[in-house]
Amino acid sequence: MNCEFITSDMPMPSCMLFPKVLVALSISNTAKIMYCLILDTVLKTGIKDENGTLFVYFPLTELVADISKCIMPVGRYLNDLEKVGLIMRIRQEFGKPNRIYVLGASVLTELNEKHSKIKCLRLEGSNFRLGGIAPITRAVPSFRVPMRLAVSVAWQKGN
């Protein structure tokens, strides 16, 4: 079998920007990819509004075709991106696509700082044991301790 490894002078295919802060966000991976797609489109072919801010017209039909999903999930992903604060949609007149603004680097920096302060305790798999309790199979923010874990720790301290 012939293998070709990447070298520093090898030409790479075109790629999209993927901000690291997206990894920590609790939105679906498809929404993250859709954000990268919108960000890439804004950076390449963004239109300036009257204030000089870049935006893009991205009709739902194009997003549906680009990420190979139905129109309902695409709408949910856009809502998720808007709730998290990564994009802002401005309605246009009837029959025209929304203006989509990608919020600036300060928002990504703020999200990154927020998620670096909220350390997640990853208690996944069967390797984690604390006082013989069953493993917890989800990420738990450090503020909220699952009831089983809190009871087990309190019980161990009492003995």
Protein backbone atom coordinates (compact mmCIF):
# COMPACT_ATOMS: atom_id res chain seq x y z
CA MET A 1 0.00 0.00 0.00
CA ASN A 2 1.38 3.40 -1.03
CA CYS A 3 0.97 6.15 1.60
CA GLU A 4 1.67 9.82 1.06
CA PHE A 5 2.13 11.91 4.20
CA ILE A 6 1.65 15.66 4.52
CA THR A 7 4.78 17.77 4.14
CA SER A 8 5.29 21.48 4.73
CA ASP A 9 5.46 22.29 1.02
CA MET A 10 2.48 20.16 -0.03
CA PRO A 11 -0.39 22.16 -1.55
CA MET A 12 -3.50 21.88 0.61
CA PRO A 13 -7.12 22.01 -0.56
CA SER A 14 -9.08 25.13 0.33
CA CYS A 15 -10.41 25.12 3.86
CA MET A 16 -12.67 27.13 6.18
CA LEU A 17 -11.86 28.97 9.37
CA PHE A 18 -13.01 27.11 12.51
CA PRO A 19 -12.72 29.23 15.69
CA LYS A 20 -11.56 27.12 18.65
CA VAL A 21 -14.27 28.53 20.91
CA LEU A 22 -16.86 26.59 18.91
CA VAL A 23 -15.56 23.32 20.35
CA ALA A 24 -16.72 24.25 23.86
CA LEU A 25 -20.15 25.55 22.84
CA SER A 26 -23.17 23.40 23.55
CA ILE A 27 -24.67 23.56 20.07
CA SER A 28 -24.78 20.80 17.51
CA ASN A 29 -21.78 20.08 15.32
CA THR A 30 -23.85 20.81 12.24
CA ALA A 31 -24.64 24.28 13.60
CA LYS A 32 -20.91 24.82 14.17
CA ILE A 33 -20.14 23.79 10.59
CA MET A 34 -22.92 26.04 9.35
CA TYR A 35 -21.41 28.95 11.31
CA CYS A 36 -18.03 28.27 9.68
CA LEU A 37 -19.71 28.20 6.28
CA ILE A 38 -21.43 31.54 6.91
CA LEU A 39 -18.21 33.03 8.31
CA ASP A 40 -16.27 31.87 5.26
CA THR A 41 -18.88 33.34 2.91
CA VAL A 42 -18.87 36.68 4.76
CA LEU A 43 -15.08 36.88 4.64
CA LYS A 44 -14.93 36.02 0.93
CA THR A 45 -17.98 37.74 -0.55
CA GLY A 46 -19.41 39.88 2.25
CA ILE A 47 -21.40 42.99 1.37
CA LYS A 48 -20.86 46.22 3.32
CA ASP A 49 -23.93 47.90 4.75
CA GLU A 50 -24.35 51.65 5.31
CA ASN A 51 -22.16 51.44 8.45
CA GLY A 52 -19.38 49.48 6.74
CA THR A 53 -20.28 46.23 8.51
CA LEU A 54 -20.01 43.04 6.49
CA PHE A 55 -23.07 40.86 6.04
CA VAL A 56 -24.23 38.20 3.64
CA TYR A 57 -27.51 37.18 2.08
CA PHE A 58 -27.69 33.43 2.57
CA PRO A 59 -31.08 32.06 1.51
CA LEU A 60 -32.29 29.01 3.39
CA THR A 61 -32.39 27.02 0.16
CA GLU A 62 -28.64 27.56 -0.31
CA LEU A 63 -27.89 26.60 3.30
CA VAL A 64 -30.04 23.49 2.89
CA ALA A 65 -28.08 22.52 -0.23
CA ASP A 66 -24.67 23.34 1.28
CA ILE A 67 -25.06 21.28 4.45
CA SER A 68 -27.37 18.59 3.01
CA LYS A 69 -30.10 18.92 5.63
CA CYS A 70 -33.82 19.63 5.48
CA ILE A 71 -35.13 23.16 5.89
CA MET A 72 -36.47 22.64 9.45
CA PRO A 73 -33.12 21.64 11.03
CA VAL A 74 -31.37 24.47 9.16
CA GLY A 75 -33.82 26.93 10.71
CA ARG A 76 -33.15 25.42 14.16
CA TYR A 77 -29.38 25.68 13.65
CA LEU A 78 -29.73 29.34 12.68
CA ASN A 79 -31.81 29.94 15.81
CA ASP A 80 -29.16 28.18 17.92
CA LEU A 81 -26.39 30.32 16.42
CA GLU A 82 -28.44 33.43 17.09
CA LYS A 83 -29.21 32.42 20.71
CA VAL A 84 -25.53 31.76 21.42
CA GLY A 85 -24.67 35.15 19.95
CA LEU A 86 -22.59 34.13 16.95
CA ILE A 87 -24.83 35.62 14.25
CA MET A 88 -27.56 38.23 13.93
CA ARG A 89 -30.31 38.00 11.33
CA ILE A 90 -32.04 41.14 10.10
CA ARG A 91 -35.35 40.67 8.28
CA GLN A 92 -35.73 42.23 4.87
CA GLU A 93 -38.89 42.87 2.93
CA PHE A 94 -41.17 40.01 2.01
CA GLY A 95 -39.62 37.43 -0.32
CA LYS A 96 -36.01 38.52 0.27
CA PRO A 97 -33.51 36.55 2.34
CA ASN A 98 -32.43 37.86 5.74
CA ARG A 99 -29.21 39.75 6.18
CA ILE A 100 -26.88 37.60 8.25
CA TYR A 101 -24.26 39.44 10.26
CA VAL A 102 -21.44 37.43 11.82
CA LEU A 103 -20.67 38.97 15.17
CA GLY A 104 -17.09 40.15 15.62
CA ALA A 105 -14.00 38.76 17.27
CA SER A 106 -14.89 40.40 20.59
CA VAL A 107 -17.91 38.09 20.87
CA LEU A 108 -15.74 35.03 20.20
CA THR A 109 -13.18 36.25 22.75
CA GLU A 110 -15.93 36.81 25.31
CA LEU A 111 -17.36 33.33 24.68
CA ASN A 112 -13.87 31.85 24.96
CA GLU A 113 -13.27 33.58 28.31
CA LYS A 114 -16.68 32.50 29.57
CA HIS A 115 -16.06 28.86 28.68
CA SER A 116 -12.52 28.87 30.05
CA LYS A 117 -13.89 30.03 33.43
CA ILE A 118 -16.60 27.39 33.45
CA LYS A 119 -14.47 24.29 33.56
CA CYS A 120 -16.39 21.21 32.66
CA LEU A 121 -15.93 18.07 34.64
CA ARG A 122 -15.91 15.27 32.09
CA LEU A 123 -17.22 12.22 33.82
CA GLU A 124 -17.59 9.88 30.92
CA GLY A 125 -16.97 6.18 30.55
CA SER A 126 -16.50 3.46 33.10
CA ASN A 127 -12.96 4.48 34.15
CA PHE A 128 -14.22 7.20 36.50
CA ARG A 129 -15.01 6.04 40.02
CA LEU A 130 -15.33 8.15 43.15
CA GLY A 131 -16.24 6.21 46.22
CA GLY A 132 -17.86 3.44 44.19
CA ILE A 133 -20.53 5.57 42.54
CA ALA A 134 -21.75 4.80 39.05
CA PRO A 135 -20.14 6.80 36.23
CA ILE A 136 -21.99 9.84 34.95
CA THR A 137 -22.14 9.99 31.17
CA ARG A 138 -22.47 13.72 30.51
CA ALA A 139 -20.46 16.88 30.93
CA VAL A 140 -21.39 18.66 34.12
CA PRO A 141 -20.48 22.31 34.76
CA SER A 142 -18.40 22.61 37.90
CA PHE A 143 -21.13 24.70 39.63
CA ARG A 144 -23.73 21.96 39.41
CA VAL A 145 -22.73 18.72 41.02
CA PRO A 146 -25.02 15.79 40.19
CA MET A 147 -27.13 14.68 43.12
CA ARG A 148 -25.61 11.19 43.23
CA LEU A 149 -22.09 12.65 43.34
CA ALA A 150 -23.01 15.22 46.01
CA VAL A 151 -24.70 12.61 48.19
CA SER A 152 -21.79 10.18 47.79
CA VAL A 153 -19.19 12.81 48.68
CA ALA A 154 -21.23 14.00 51.69
CA TRP A 155 -21.69 10.40 52.83
CA GLN A 156 -17.95 9.73 52.54
CA LYS A 157 -17.13 12.85 54.58
CA GLY A 158 -19.56 11.76 57.32
CA ASN A 159 -17.86 8.36 57.71
